[in-house]
Amino acid sequence: AGPSAVVLVGSSKITLWKTMKEDLAPFEPLNCGFGGARSKDLLEFMPKLVLKHSPRLVVYYCGINDLHFGAEVEVPVANLRRFAENLREAMPTAKLLVLAMNQAPLHFALGLEEKI
């Protein structure tokens, strides 16, 4: 992707967004999400998932899997802050759009509704 790219990173909600190109037209989004992603994974793989594409905009959705695997809410929040700082340092003109975690029926089944 070129320097005008929109890169989306995160967990399965990003990966499974099948109508992303149509929904975000005329932008040309690059789906770099992967199922099971935790916020620490996005930090670790940021150079390969995000920085190598030189995006103008990064869309971030992550944190649910952190909670699912027992992390307190402070963990994905701290990792998001680090992600934002790393992005600002590496690409000062890039923008970051954070999609909020939302409750879904599965979250209630897993007992996560209190954490979200």
Protein backbone atom coordinates (compact mmCIF):
# COMPACT_ATOMS: atom_id res chain seq x y z
CA ALA A 1 0.00 0.00 0.00
CA GLY A 2 1.15 3.51 -0.71
CA PRO A 3 1.53 6.50 1.57
CA SER A 4 -2.20 7.29 1.34
CA ALA A 5 -3.13 3.87 2.72
CA VAL A 6 -5.67 3.20 5.42
CA VAL A 7 -4.51 0.23 7.51
CA LEU A 8 -6.90 -1.59 9.81
CA VAL A 9 -5.44 -3.71 12.62
CA GLY A 10 -7.03 -5.76 15.33
CA SER A 11 -8.78 -8.97 16.11
CA SER A 12 -11.43 -11.00 14.31
CA LYS A 13 -13.90 -8.10 14.02
CA ILE A 14 -11.40 -6.55 11.59
CA THR A 15 -10.42 -9.82 9.93
CA LEU A 16 -14.02 -10.83 9.27
CA TRP A 17 -15.16 -7.44 7.93
CA LYS A 18 -15.95 -8.75 4.45
CA THR A 19 -17.43 -5.53 3.01
CA MET A 20 -14.60 -3.28 4.19
CA LYS A 21 -13.55 -2.10 0.71
CA GLU A 22 -17.10 -1.19 -0.25
CA ASP A 23 -17.89 0.36 3.14
CA LEU A 24 -14.78 2.54 3.17
CA ALA A 25 -14.74 3.55 -0.51
CA PRO A 26 -13.22 5.67 -1.97
CA PHE A 27 -10.40 4.80 0.43
CA GLU A 28 -8.40 1.65 -0.26
CA PRO A 29 -8.24 -0.05 3.12
CA LEU A 30 -5.69 -2.71 3.90
CA ASN A 31 -7.00 -5.35 6.30
CA CYS A 32 -4.15 -6.38 8.62
CA GLY A 33 -6.31 -7.91 11.31
CA PHE A 34 -5.94 -11.45 12.59
CA GLY A 35 -8.17 -13.62 14.73
CA GLY A 36 -7.22 -13.91 18.38
CA ALA A 37 -5.12 -10.74 18.33
CA ARG A 38 -4.35 -9.22 21.70
CA SER A 39 -3.09 -5.70 22.24
CA LYS A 40 0.43 -6.97 23.00
CA ASP A 41 0.42 -8.70 19.58
CA LEU A 42 -0.37 -5.45 17.79
CA LEU A 43 2.58 -3.83 19.56
CA GLU A 44 4.91 -6.69 18.69
CA PHE A 45 3.89 -6.88 15.04
CA MET A 46 3.38 -3.14 14.49
CA PRO A 47 6.42 -2.81 12.18
CA LYS A 48 5.13 -5.56 9.85
CA LEU A 49 1.40 -4.87 10.19
CA VAL A 50 1.42 -1.09 10.10
CA LEU A 51 4.66 0.79 9.68
CA LYS A 52 5.86 -0.96 6.51
CA HIS A 53 2.75 0.34 4.71
CA SER A 54 3.31 4.02 5.62
CA PRO A 55 -0.40 4.64 6.22
CA ARG A 56 -1.96 8.04 6.64
CA LEU A 57 -4.63 6.49 8.87
CA VAL A 58 -4.56 3.47 11.19
CA VAL A 59 -7.84 2.02 12.42
CA TYR A 60 -7.36 0.06 15.66
CA TYR A 61 -9.75 -2.48 17.21
CA CYS A 62 -8.33 -4.64 19.96
CA GLY A 63 -8.73 -5.53 23.63
CA ILE A 64 -11.58 -8.03 23.78
CA ASN A 65 -9.21 -10.99 23.56
CA ASP A 66 -7.05 -9.52 26.32
CA LEU A 67 -10.11 -9.53 28.59
CA HIS A 68 -11.19 -12.96 27.42
CA PHE A 69 -7.83 -14.39 28.49
CA GLY A 70 -8.02 -12.81 31.94
CA ALA A 71 -6.29 -9.44 31.62
CA GLU A 72 -7.63 -6.51 33.55
CA VAL A 73 -8.91 -3.62 31.44
CA GLU A 74 -5.78 -1.59 32.25
CA VAL A 75 -3.69 -3.95 30.11
CA PRO A 76 -5.27 -3.21 26.70
CA VAL A 77 -5.58 0.47 27.64
CA ALA A 78 -1.85 0.68 28.44
CA ASN A 79 -0.96 -1.21 25.25
CA LEU A 80 -3.15 1.10 23.17
CA ARG A 81 -1.31 4.08 24.67
CA ARG A 82 2.03 2.49 23.76
CA PHE A 83 0.74 1.74 20.25
CA ALA A 84 -0.29 5.39 19.83
CA GLU A 85 3.07 6.61 21.15
CA ASN A 86 4.99 4.26 18.86
CA LEU A 87 2.92 5.36 15.86
CA ARG A 88 3.43 9.05 16.69
CA GLU A 89 7.18 8.49 17.04
CA ALA A 90 7.56 6.48 13.82
CA MET A 91 5.03 8.38 11.70
CA PRO A 92 4.19 11.78 13.19
CA THR A 93 1.64 12.70 10.51
CA ALA A 94 -0.33 9.44 10.65
CA LYS A 95 -3.73 9.54 12.34
CA LEU A 96 -5.07 6.86 14.68
CA LEU A 97 -8.75 5.99 14.87
CA VAL A 98 -9.67 3.71 17.77
CA LEU A 99 -12.84 1.66 17.51
CA ALA A 100 -14.42 1.08 20.90
CA MET A 101 -14.84 -2.42 22.25
CA ASN A 102 -18.47 -3.39 22.17
CA GLN A 103 -20.60 -5.97 23.90
CA ALA A 104 -21.80 -8.92 21.88
CA PRO A 105 -23.80 -11.99 22.93
CA LEU A 106 -20.59 -14.02 23.16
CA HIS A 107 -19.19 -11.56 25.71
CA PHE A 108 -22.14 -12.23 28.00
CA ALA A 109 -21.64 -15.98 27.62
CA LEU A 110 -17.98 -15.55 28.56
CA GLY A 111 -18.74 -13.27 31.52
CA LEU A 112 -16.97 -10.25 30.04
CA GLU A 113 -19.89 -7.80 30.22
CA GLU A 114 -18.62 -6.34 33.50
CA LYS A 115 -15.19 -5.52 32.03
CA ILE A 116 -16.40 -3.76 28.88
